[in-house]
Amino acid sequence: RGFFLSAAGKFGGDFLVYPGDPLRFHAHYIAQCWAPGDPIPL
């Protein structure tokens, strides 16, 4: 989809999602990966 991604361990996620080069943009999203059947604790 055109996003740049990096590790997001210190932000509690799997990936940091950037709209462009991380040298020019801040991350907009903290992506967490969940399997379809996995429950998410509230």
All heavy atoms as atom14 arrays in JSON, in Angstrom:
{
  "sequence": "RGFFLSAAGKFGGDFLVYPGDPLRFHAHYIAQCWAPGDPIPL",
  "atom14_mask": [
    [1, 1, 1, 1, 1, 1, 1, 1, 1, 1, 1, 0, 0, 0],
    [1, 1, 1, 1, 0, 0, 0, 0, 0, 0, 0, 0, 0, 0],
    [1, 1, 1, 1, 1, 1, 1, 1, 1, 1, 1, 0, 0, 0],
    [1, 1, 1, 1, 1, 1, 1, 1, 1, 1, 1, 0, 0, 0],
    [1, 1, 1, 1, 1, 1, 1, 1, 0, 0, 0, 0, 0, 0],
    [1, 1, 1, 1, 1, 1, 0, 0, 0, 0, 0, 0, 0, 0],
    [1, 1, 1, 1, 1, 0, 0, 0, 0, 0, 0, 0, 0, 0],
    [1, 1, 1, 1, 1, 0, 0, 0, 0, 0, 0, 0, 0, 0],
    [1, 1, 1, 1, 0, 0, 0, 0, 0, 0, 0, 0, 0, 0],
    [1, 1, 1, 1, 1, 1, 1, 1, 1, 0, 0, 0, 0, 0],
    [1, 1, 1, 1, 1, 1, 1, 1, 1, 1, 1, 0, 0, 0],
    [1, 1, 1, 1, 0, 0, 0, 0, 0, 0, 0, 0, 0, 0],
    [1, 1, 1, 1, 0, 0, 0, 0, 0, 0, 0, 0, 0, 0],
    [1, 1, 1, 1, 1, 1, 1, 1, 0, 0, 0, 0, 0, 0],
    [1, 1, 1, 1, 1, 1, 1, 1, 1, 1, 1, 0, 0, 0],
    [1, 1, 1, 1, 1, 1, 1, 1, 0, 0, 0, 0, 0, 0],
    [1, 1, 1, 1, 1, 1, 1, 0, 0, 0, 0, 0, 0, 0],
    [1, 1, 1, 1, 1, 1, 1, 1, 1, 1, 1, 1, 0, 0],
    [1, 1, 1, 1, 1, 1, 1, 0, 0, 0, 0, 0, 0, 0],
    [1, 1, 1, 1, 0, 0, 0, 0, 0, 0, 0, 0, 0, 0],
    [1, 1, 1, 1, 1, 1, 1, 1, 0, 0, 0, 0, 0, 0],
    [1, 1, 1, 1, 1, 1, 1, 0, 0, 0, 0, 0, 0, 0],
    [1, 1, 1, 1, 1, 1, 1, 1, 0, 0, 0, 0, 0, 0],
    [1, 1, 1, 1, 1, 1, 1, 1, 1, 1, 1, 0, 0, 0],
    [1, 1, 1, 1, 1, 1, 1, 1, 1, 1, 1, 0, 0, 0],
    [1, 1, 1, 1, 1, 1, 1, 1, 1, 1, 0, 0, 0, 0],
    [1, 1, 1, 1, 1, 0, 0, 0, 0, 0, 0, 0, 0, 0],
    [1, 1, 1, 1, 1, 1, 1, 1, 1, 1, 0, 0, 0, 0],
    [1, 1, 1, 1, 1, 1, 1, 1, 1, 1, 1, 1, 0, 0],
    [1, 1, 1, 1, 1, 1, 1, 1, 0, 0, 0, 0, 0, 0],
    [1, 1, 1, 1, 1, 0, 0, 0, 0, 0, 0, 0, 0, 0],
    [1, 1, 1, 1, 1, 1, 1, 1, 1, 0, 0, 0, 0, 0],
    [1, 1, 1, 1, 1, 1, 0, 0, 0, 0, 0, 0, 0, 0],
    [1, 1, 1, 1, 1, 1, 1, 1, 1, 1, 1, 1, 1, 1],
    [1, 1, 1, 1, 1, 0, 0, 0, 0, 0, 0, 0, 0, 0],
    [1, 1, 1, 1, 1, 1, 1, 0, 0, 0, 0, 0, 0, 0],
    [1, 1, 1, 1, 0, 0, 0, 0, 0, 0, 0, 0, 0, 0],
    [1, 1, 1, 1, 1, 1, 1, 1, 0, 0, 0, 0, 0, 0],
    [1, 1, 1, 1, 1, 1, 1, 0, 0, 0, 0, 0, 0, 0],
    [1, 1, 1, 1, 1, 1, 1, 1, 0, 0, 0, 0, 0, 0],
    [1, 1, 1, 1, 1, 1, 1, 0, 0, 0, 0, 0, 0, 0],
    [1, 1, 1, 1, 1, 1, 1, 1, 0, 0, 0, 0, 0, 0]
  ],
  "atom14_positions": [
    [[0.82, -1.22, 0.0], [0.0, 0.0, 0.0], [0.85, 1.27, 0.0], [0.3, 2.38, -0.01], [-0.94, 0.01, 1.21], [-1.99, -1.1, 1.18], [-2.73, -1.17, 2.49], [-3.7, -2.25, 2.53], [-5.0, -2.12, 2.27], [-5.48, -0.92, 1.96], [-5.82, -3.15, 2.33], [0.0, 0.0, 0.0], [0.0, 0.0, 0.0], [0.0, 0.0, 0.0]],
    [[2.18, 1.14, 0.06], [3.07, 2.29, -0.02], [3.57, 2.82, 1.3], [4.19, 3.88, 1.34], [0.0, 0.0, 0.0], [0.0, 0.0, 0.0], [0.0, 0.0, 0.0], [0.0, 0.0, 0.0], [0.0, 0.0, 0.0], [0.0, 0.0, 0.0], [0.0, 0.0, 0.0], [0.0, 0.0, 0.0], [0.0, 0.0, 0.0], [0.0, 0.0, 0.0]],
    [[3.32, 2.09, 2.39], [3.78, 2.55, 3.7], [5.2, 2.07, 3.98], [5.63, 1.02, 3.48], [2.85, 2.04, 4.81], [1.47, 2.63, 4.78], [0.4, 1.92, 4.25], [1.25, 3.91, 5.28], [-0.87, 2.46, 4.23], [-0.02, 4.46, 5.27], [-1.09, 3.73, 4.73], [0.0, 0.0, 0.0], [0.0, 0.0, 0.0], [0.0, 0.0, 0.0]],
    [[5.91, 2.85, 4.78], [7.18, 2.42, 5.37], [6.87, 1.83, 6.75], [6.02, 2.37, 7.47], [8.14, 3.6, 5.54], [8.98, 3.9, 4.34], [8.4, 4.45, 3.2], [10.34, 3.65, 4.34], [9.17, 4.74, 2.1], [11.12, 3.93, 3.24], [10.53, 4.48, 2.1], [0.0, 0.0, 0.0], [0.0, 0.0, 0.0], [0.0, 0.0, 0.0]],
    [[7.58, 0.77, 7.11], [7.33, 0.13, 8.4], [8.64, -0.07, 9.15], [9.7, -0.3, 8.54], [6.63, -1.22, 8.24], [5.17, -1.19, 7.79], [5.06, -1.23, 6.27], [4.39, -2.34, 8.4], [0.0, 0.0, 0.0], [0.0, 0.0, 0.0], [0.0, 0.0, 0.0], [0.0, 0.0, 0.0], [0.0, 0.0, 0.0], [0.0, 0.0, 0.0]],
    [[8.56, 0.01, 10.47], [9.7, -0.27, 11.34], [9.19, -0.97, 12.59], [7.98, -1.04, 12.83], [10.44, 1.02, 11.71], [9.63, 1.86, 12.52], [0.0, 0.0, 0.0], [0.0, 0.0, 0.0], [0.0, 0.0, 0.0], [0.0, 0.0, 0.0], [0.0, 0.0, 0.0], [0.0, 0.0, 0.0], [0.0, 0.0, 0.0], [0.0, 0.0, 0.0]],
    [[10.1, -1.47, 13.4], [9.72, -2.16, 14.62], [9.1, -1.18, 15.62], [9.48, -0.02, 15.69], [10.92, -2.86, 15.24], [0.0, 0.0, 0.0], [0.0, 0.0, 0.0], [0.0, 0.0, 0.0], [0.0, 0.0, 0.0], [0.0, 0.0, 0.0], [0.0, 0.0, 0.0], [0.0, 0.0, 0.0], [0.0, 0.0, 0.0], [0.0, 0.0, 0.0]],
    [[8.16, -1.68, 16.4], [7.44, -0.82, 17.36], [7.41, -1.44, 18.74], [6.41, -1.33, 19.45], [6.03, -0.54, 16.86], [0.0, 0.0, 0.0], [0.0, 0.0, 0.0], [0.0, 0.0, 0.0], [0.0, 0.0, 0.0], [0.0, 0.0, 0.0], [0.0, 0.0, 0.0], [0.0, 0.0, 0.0], [0.0, 0.0, 0.0], [0.0, 0.0, 0.0]],
    [[8.51, -2.09, 19.13], [8.53, -2.75, 20.43], [8.3, -1.79, 21.59], [7.54, -2.09, 22.52], [0.0, 0.0, 0.0], [0.0, 0.0, 0.0], [0.0, 0.0, 0.0], [0.0, 0.0, 0.0], [0.0, 0.0, 0.0], [0.0, 0.0, 0.0], [0.0, 0.0, 0.0], [0.0, 0.0, 0.0], [0.0, 0.0, 0.0], [0.0, 0.0, 0.0]],
    [[8.94, -0.62, 21.54], [8.8, 0.31, 22.67], [7.47, 1.05, 22.67], [7.17, 1.8, 23.6], [9.95, 1.3, 22.68], [10.01, 2.2, 21.47], [11.21, 3.13, 21.57], [11.29, 4.06, 20.36], [12.45, 4.96, 20.46], [0.0, 0.0, 0.0], [0.0, 0.0, 0.0], [0.0, 0.0, 0.0], [0.0, 0.0, 0.0], [0.0, 0.0, 0.0]],
    [[6.66, 0.88, 21.62], [5.34, 1.5, 21.57], [4.23, 0.47, 21.8], [3.05, 0.78, 21.59], [5.12, 2.18, 20.21], [5.97, 3.41, 20.01], [7.19, 3.32, 19.37], [5.56, 4.65, 20.48], [7.97, 4.44, 19.18], [6.33, 5.77, 20.29], [7.55, 5.66, 19.65], [0.0, 0.0, 0.0], [0.0, 0.0, 0.0], [0.0, 0.0, 0.0]],
    [[4.59, -0.74, 22.18], [3.58, -1.74, 22.48], [2.92, -2.34, 21.26], [1.8, -2.87, 21.37], [0.0, 0.0, 0.0], [0.0, 0.0, 0.0], [0.0, 0.0, 0.0], [0.0, 0.0, 0.0], [0.0, 0.0, 0.0], [0.0, 0.0, 0.0], [0.0, 0.0, 0.0], [0.0, 0.0, 0.0], [0.0, 0.0, 0.0], [0.0, 0.0, 0.0]],
    [[3.56, -2.3, 20.11], [2.97, -2.86, 18.9], [3.97, -3.71, 18.14], [5.08, -3.98, 18.61], [0.0, 0.0, 0.0], [0.0, 0.0, 0.0], [0.0, 0.0, 0.0], [0.0, 0.0, 0.0], [0.0, 0.0, 0.0], [0.0, 0.0, 0.0], [0.0, 0.0, 0.0], [0.0, 0.0, 0.0], [0.0, 0.0, 0.0], [0.0, 0.0, 0.0]],
    [[3.55, -4.14, 16.96], [4.42, -4.94, 16.1], [5.17, -4.06, 15.09], [6.34, -4.31, 14.8], [3.6, -5.99, 15.36], [3.04, -7.03, 16.31], [3.82, -7.85, 16.82], [1.82, -7.03, 16.53], [0.0, 0.0, 0.0], [0.0, 0.0, 0.0], [0.0, 0.0, 0.0], [0.0, 0.0, 0.0], [0.0, 0.0, 0.0], [0.0, 0.0, 0.0]],
    [[4.48, -3.06, 14.52], [5.08, -2.19, 13.52], [4.66, -0.75, 13.77], [3.55, -0.48, 14.24], [4.66, -2.59, 12.09], [4.97, -4.01, 11.73], [3.94, -4.93, 11.53], [6.27, -4.45, 11.58], [4.21, -6.23, 11.19], [6.56, -5.75, 11.24], [5.52, -6.64, 11.05], [0.0, 0.0, 0.0], [0.0, 0.0, 0.0], [0.0, 0.0, 0.0]],
    [[5.57, 0.16, 13.43], [5.22, 1.56, 13.27], [5.0, 1.8, 11.78], [5.82, 1.41, 10.95], [6.33, 2.48, 13.78], [6.49, 2.62, 15.29], [7.67, 3.52, 15.62], [5.22, 3.18, 15.92], [0.0, 0.0, 0.0], [0.0, 0.0, 0.0], [0.0, 0.0, 0.0], [0.0, 0.0, 0.0], [0.0, 0.0, 0.0], [0.0, 0.0, 0.0]],
    [[3.91, 2.46, 11.45], [3.52, 2.64, 10.06], [3.69, 4.12, 9.7], [3.06, 4.98, 10.32], [2.06, 2.18, 9.82], [1.71, 2.28, 8.35], [1.88, 0.76, 10.33], [0.0, 0.0, 0.0], [0.0, 0.0, 0.0], [0.0, 0.0, 0.0], [0.0, 0.0, 0.0], [0.0, 0.0, 0.0], [0.0, 0.0, 0.0], [0.0, 0.0, 0.0]],
    [[4.52, 4.37, 8.68], [4.82, 5.73, 8.24], [4.21, 5.98, 6.86], [4.21, 5.08, 6.01], [6.34, 5.95, 8.14], [7.1, 5.78, 9.43], [7.47, 4.53, 9.88], [7.47, 6.89, 10.18], [8.18, 4.36, 11.06], [8.2, 6.74, 11.37], [8.53, 5.47, 11.8], [9.25, 5.31, 12.96], [0.0, 0.0, 0.0], [0.0, 0.0, 0.0]],
    [[3.74, 7.18, 6.61], [3.21, 7.49, 5.26], [4.3, 7.66, 4.22], [4.01, 7.67, 3.02], [2.44, 8.79, 5.48], [3.14, 9.44, 6.64], [3.57, 8.31, 7.52], [0.0, 0.0, 0.0], [0.0, 0.0, 0.0], [0.0, 0.0, 0.0], [0.0, 0.0, 0.0], [0.0, 0.0, 0.0], [0.0, 0.0, 0.0], [0.0, 0.0, 0.0]],
    [[5.53, 7.81, 4.64], [6.67, 7.98, 3.74], [7.95, 7.62, 4.45], [7.95, 6.91, 5.46], [0.0, 0.0, 0.0], [0.0, 0.0, 0.0], [0.0, 0.0, 0.0], [0.0, 0.0, 0.0], [0.0, 0.0, 0.0], [0.0, 0.0, 0.0], [0.0, 0.0, 0.0], [0.0, 0.0, 0.0], [0.0, 0.0, 0.0], [0.0, 0.0, 0.0]],
    [[9.05, 8.13, 3.93], [10.36, 7.86, 4.52], [10.38, 8.32, 5.98], [10.04, 9.47, 6.27], [11.45, 8.58, 3.73], [12.85, 8.1, 4.07], [13.07, 7.7, 5.23], [13.73, 8.12, 3.2], [0.0, 0.0, 0.0], [0.0, 0.0, 0.0], [0.0, 0.0, 0.0], [0.0, 0.0, 0.0], [0.0, 0.0, 0.0], [0.0, 0.0, 0.0]],
    [[10.78, 7.46, 6.92], [10.81, 7.88, 8.34], [11.75, 9.05, 8.6], [11.62, 9.7, 9.65], [11.3, 6.6, 9.05], [10.9, 5.49, 8.16], [11.03, 6.02, 6.77], [0.0, 0.0, 0.0], [0.0, 0.0, 0.0], [0.0, 0.0, 0.0], [0.0, 0.0, 0.0], [0.0, 0.0, 0.0], [0.0, 0.0, 0.0], [0.0, 0.0, 0.0]],
    [[12.68, 9.33, 7.7], [13.53, 10.51, 7.87], [12.77, 11.8, 7.61], [13.25, 12.88, 7.98], [14.74, 10.42, 6.94], [15.71, 9.27, 7.21], [16.83, 9.28, 6.17], [16.29, 9.37, 8.61], [0.0, 0.0, 0.0], [0.0, 0.0, 0.0], [0.0, 0.0, 0.0], [0.0, 0.0, 0.0], [0.0, 0.0, 0.0], [0.0, 0.0, 0.0]],
    [[11.61, 11.7, 7.0], [10.84, 12.9, 6.65], [9.47, 12.95, 7.33], [8.86, 14.02, 7.4], [10.64, 12.96, 5.14], [11.92, 12.99, 4.34], [11.64, 13.01, 2.85], [10.8, 14.13, 2.46], [10.31, 14.32, 1.25], [10.52, 13.41, 0.31], [9.57, 15.38, 0.98], [0.0, 0.0, 0.0], [0.0, 0.0, 0.0], [0.0, 0.0, 0.0]],
    [[8.97, 11.82, 7.79], [7.62, 11.77, 8.36], [7.65, 11.1, 9.73], [8.52, 10.27, 10.0], [6.66, 10.98, 7.45], [6.47, 11.58, 6.09], [7.27, 11.18, 5.03], [5.51, 12.55, 5.87], [7.11, 11.72, 3.77], [5.33, 13.1, 4.61], [6.14, 12.69, 3.56], [0.0, 0.0, 0.0], [0.0, 0.0, 0.0], [0.0, 0.0, 0.0]],
    [[6.68, 11.46, 10.56], [6.43, 10.75, 11.8], [5.47, 9.59, 11.52], [4.71, 9.61, 10.53], [5.82, 11.67, 12.86], [6.77, 12.69, 13.39], [7.81, 12.37, 14.23], [6.86, 14.04, 13.18], [8.48, 13.46, 14.54], [7.93, 14.49, 13.91], [0.0, 0.0, 0.0], [0.0, 0.0, 0.0], [0.0, 0.0, 0.0], [0.0, 0.0, 0.0]],
    [[5.52, 8.59, 12.38], [4.61, 7.46, 12.21], [3.19, 7.89, 12.54], [2.94, 8.65, 13.49], [5.04, 6.31, 13.11], [0.0, 0.0, 0.0], [0.0, 0.0, 0.0], [0.0, 0.0, 0.0], [0.0, 0.0, 0.0], [0.0, 0.0, 0.0], [0.0, 0.0, 0.0], [0.0, 0.0, 0.0], [0.0, 0.0, 0.0], [0.0, 0.0, 0.0]],
    [[2.23, 7.4, 11.76], [0.81, 7.7, 11.98], [0.1, 6.59, 12.76], [-0.9, 6.85, 13.42], [0.1, 7.92, 10.65], [0.44, 9.22, 10.0], [-0.17, 9.69, 8.86], [1.34, 10.18, 10.34], [0.32, 10.87, 8.52], [1.25, 11.18, 9.4], [0.0, 0.0, 0.0], [0.0, 0.0, 0.0], [0.0, 0.0, 0.0], [0.0, 0.0, 0.0]],
    [[0.6, 5.36, 12.65], [-0.11, 4.23, 13.24], [0.85, 3.33, 14.02], [2.04, 3.23, 13.69], [-0.78, 3.37, 12.16], [-1.73, 4.12, 11.27], [-1.32, 4.55, 10.01], [-3.03, 4.41, 11.67], [-2.19, 5.25, 9.18], [-3.91, 5.1, 10.86], [-3.48, 5.53, 9.61], [-4.33, 6.22, 8.79], [0.0, 0.0, 0.0], [0.0, 0.0, 0.0]],
    [[0.3, 2.7, 15.05], [0.96, 1.61, 15.75], [0.18, 0.34, 15.41], [-0.98, 0.19, 15.82], [0.98, 1.83, 17.27], [1.71, 3.13, 17.61], [1.65, 0.66, 17.97], [1.67, 3.48, 19.09], [0.0, 0.0, 0.0], [0.0, 0.0, 0.0], [0.0, 0.0, 0.0], [0.0, 0.0, 0.0], [0.0, 0.0, 0.0], [0.0, 0.0, 0.0]],
    [[0.78, -0.53, 14.63], [0.08, -1.72, 14.15], [0.29, -2.88, 15.11], [1.43, -3.17, 15.5], [0.57, -2.09, 12.75], [0.0, 0.0, 0.0], [0.0, 0.0, 0.0], [0.0, 0.0, 0.0], [0.0, 0.0, 0.0], [0.0, 0.0, 0.0], [0.0, 0.0, 0.0], [0.0, 0.0, 0.0], [0.0, 0.0, 0.0], [0.0, 0.0, 0.0]],
    [[-0.8, -3.53, 15.47], [-0.77, -4.76, 16.24], [-1.35, -5.89, 15.4], [-2.4, -5.71, 14.79], [-1.56, -4.62, 17.55], [-0.88, -3.79, 18.61], [-1.61, -3.87, 19.95], [-2.71, -4.41, 20.04], [-0.99, -3.34, 20.99], [0.0, 0.0, 0.0], [0.0, 0.0, 0.0], [0.0, 0.0, 0.0], [0.0, 0.0, 0.0], [0.0, 0.0, 0.0]],
    [[-0.63, -7.01, 15.38], [-1.04, -8.15, 14.56], [-1.8, -9.16, 15.42], [-1.28, -9.62, 16.45], [0.18, -8.81, 13.91], [1.19, -7.66, 12.92], [0.0, 0.0, 0.0], [0.0, 0.0, 0.0], [0.0, 0.0, 0.0], [0.0, 0.0, 0.0], [0.0, 0.0, 0.0], [0.0, 0.0, 0.0], [0.0, 0.0, 0.0], [0.0, 0.0, 0.0]],
    [[-3.0, -9.49, 14.98], [-3.83, -10.46, 15.69], [-4.36, -11.48, 14.69], [-4.8, -11.14, 13.6], [-5.01, -9.77, 16.38], [-4.6, -8.83, 17.48], [-4.34, -7.5, 17.36], [-4.37, -9.17, 18.84], [-3.98, -6.97, 18.57], [-3.99, -7.98, 19.51], [-4.47, -10.35, 19.58], [-3.7, -7.94, 20.87], [-4.19, -10.31, 20.93], [-3.8, -9.12, 21.57]],
    [[-4.3, -12.76, 15.1], [-4.9, -13.81, 14.29], [-6.42, -13.69, 14.33], [-6.98, -13.15, 15.3], [-4.45, -15.18, 14.78], [0.0, 0.0, 0.0], [0.0, 0.0, 0.0], [0.0, 0.0, 0.0], [0.0, 0.0, 0.0], [0.0, 0.0, 0.0], [0.0, 0.0, 0.0], [0.0, 0.0, 0.0], [0.0, 0.0, 0.0], [0.0, 0.0, 0.0]],
    [[-7.14, -14.15, 13.28], [-8.6, -13.95, 13.24], [-9.34, -14.51, 14.46], [-10.31, -13.92, 14.92], [-9.01, -14.69, 11.96], [-7.78, -14.72, 11.12], [-6.63, -14.8, 12.07], [0.0, 0.0, 0.0], [0.0, 0.0, 0.0], [0.0, 0.0, 0.0], [0.0, 0.0, 0.0], [0.0, 0.0, 0.0], [0.0, 0.0, 0.0], [0.0, 0.0, 0.0]],
    [[-8.91, -15.62, 15.0], [-9.64, -16.22, 16.11], [-9.1, -15.9, 17.48], [-9.61, -16.41, 18.49], [0.0, 0.0, 0.0], [0.0, 0.0, 0.0], [0.0, 0.0, 0.0], [0.0, 0.0, 0.0], [0.0, 0.0, 0.0], [0.0, 0.0, 0.0], [0.0, 0.0, 0.0], [0.0, 0.0, 0.0], [0.0, 0.0, 0.0], [0.0, 0.0, 0.0]],
    [[-8.08, -15.07, 17.58], [-7.49, -14.76, 18.88], [-8.33, -13.73, 19.63], [-8.7, -12.69, 19.06], [-6.07, -14.23, 18.71], [-5.1, -15.31, 18.28], [-5.49, -16.5, 18.35], [-3.98, -14.97, 17.86], [0.0, 0.0, 0.0], [0.0, 0.0, 0.0], [0.0, 0.0, 0.0], [0.0, 0.0, 0.0], [0.0, 0.0, 0.0], [0.0, 0.0, 0.0]],
    [[-8.67, -13.97, 20.91], [-9.38, -12.95, 21.7], [-8.42, -11.84, 22.11], [-7.23, -12.08, 22.38], [-9.88, -13.73, 22.91], [-8.89, -14.85, 23.06], [-8.45, -15.22, 21.67], [0.0, 0.0, 0.0], [0.0, 0.0, 0.0], [0.0, 0.0, 0.0], [0.0, 0.0, 0.0], [0.0, 0.0, 0.0], [0.0, 0.0, 0.0], [0.0, 0.0, 0.0]],
    [[-8.93, -10.64, 22.16], [-8.13, -9.48, 22.57], [-8.58, -9.07, 23.96], [-9.73, -8.67, 24.14], [-8.31, -8.31, 21.59], [-7.94, -8.74, 20.17], [-7.44, -7.13, 22.01], [-8.15, -7.65, 19.13], [0.0, 0.0, 0.0], [0.0, 0.0, 0.0], [0.0, 0.0, 0.0], [0.0, 0.0, 0.0], [0.0, 0.0, 0.0], [0.0, 0.0, 0.0]],
    [[-7.71, -9.18, 24.97], [-8.1, -8.76, 26.33], [-8.46, -7.28, 26.35], [-7.78, -6.44, 25.74], [-6.86, -9.06, 27.16], [-6.11, -10.1, 26.38], [-6.36, -9.78, 24.95], [0.0, 0.0, 0.0], [0.0, 0.0, 0.0], [0.0, 0.0, 0.0], [0.0, 0.0, 0.0], [0.0, 0.0, 0.0], [0.0, 0.0, 0.0], [0.0, 0.0, 0.0]],
    [[-9.52, -6.96, 27.05], [-10.0, -5.58, 27.09], [-8.96, -4.65, 27.72], [-8.76, -3.51, 27.28], [-11.33, -5.51, 27.86], [-11.99, -4.13, 27.94], [-12.28, -3.59, 26.57], [-13.26, -4.21, 28.78], [0.0, 0.0, 0.0], [0.0, 0.0, 0.0], [0.0, 0.0, 0.0], [0.0, 0.0, 0.0], [0.0, 0.0, 0.0], [0.0, 0.0, 0.0]]
  ]
}
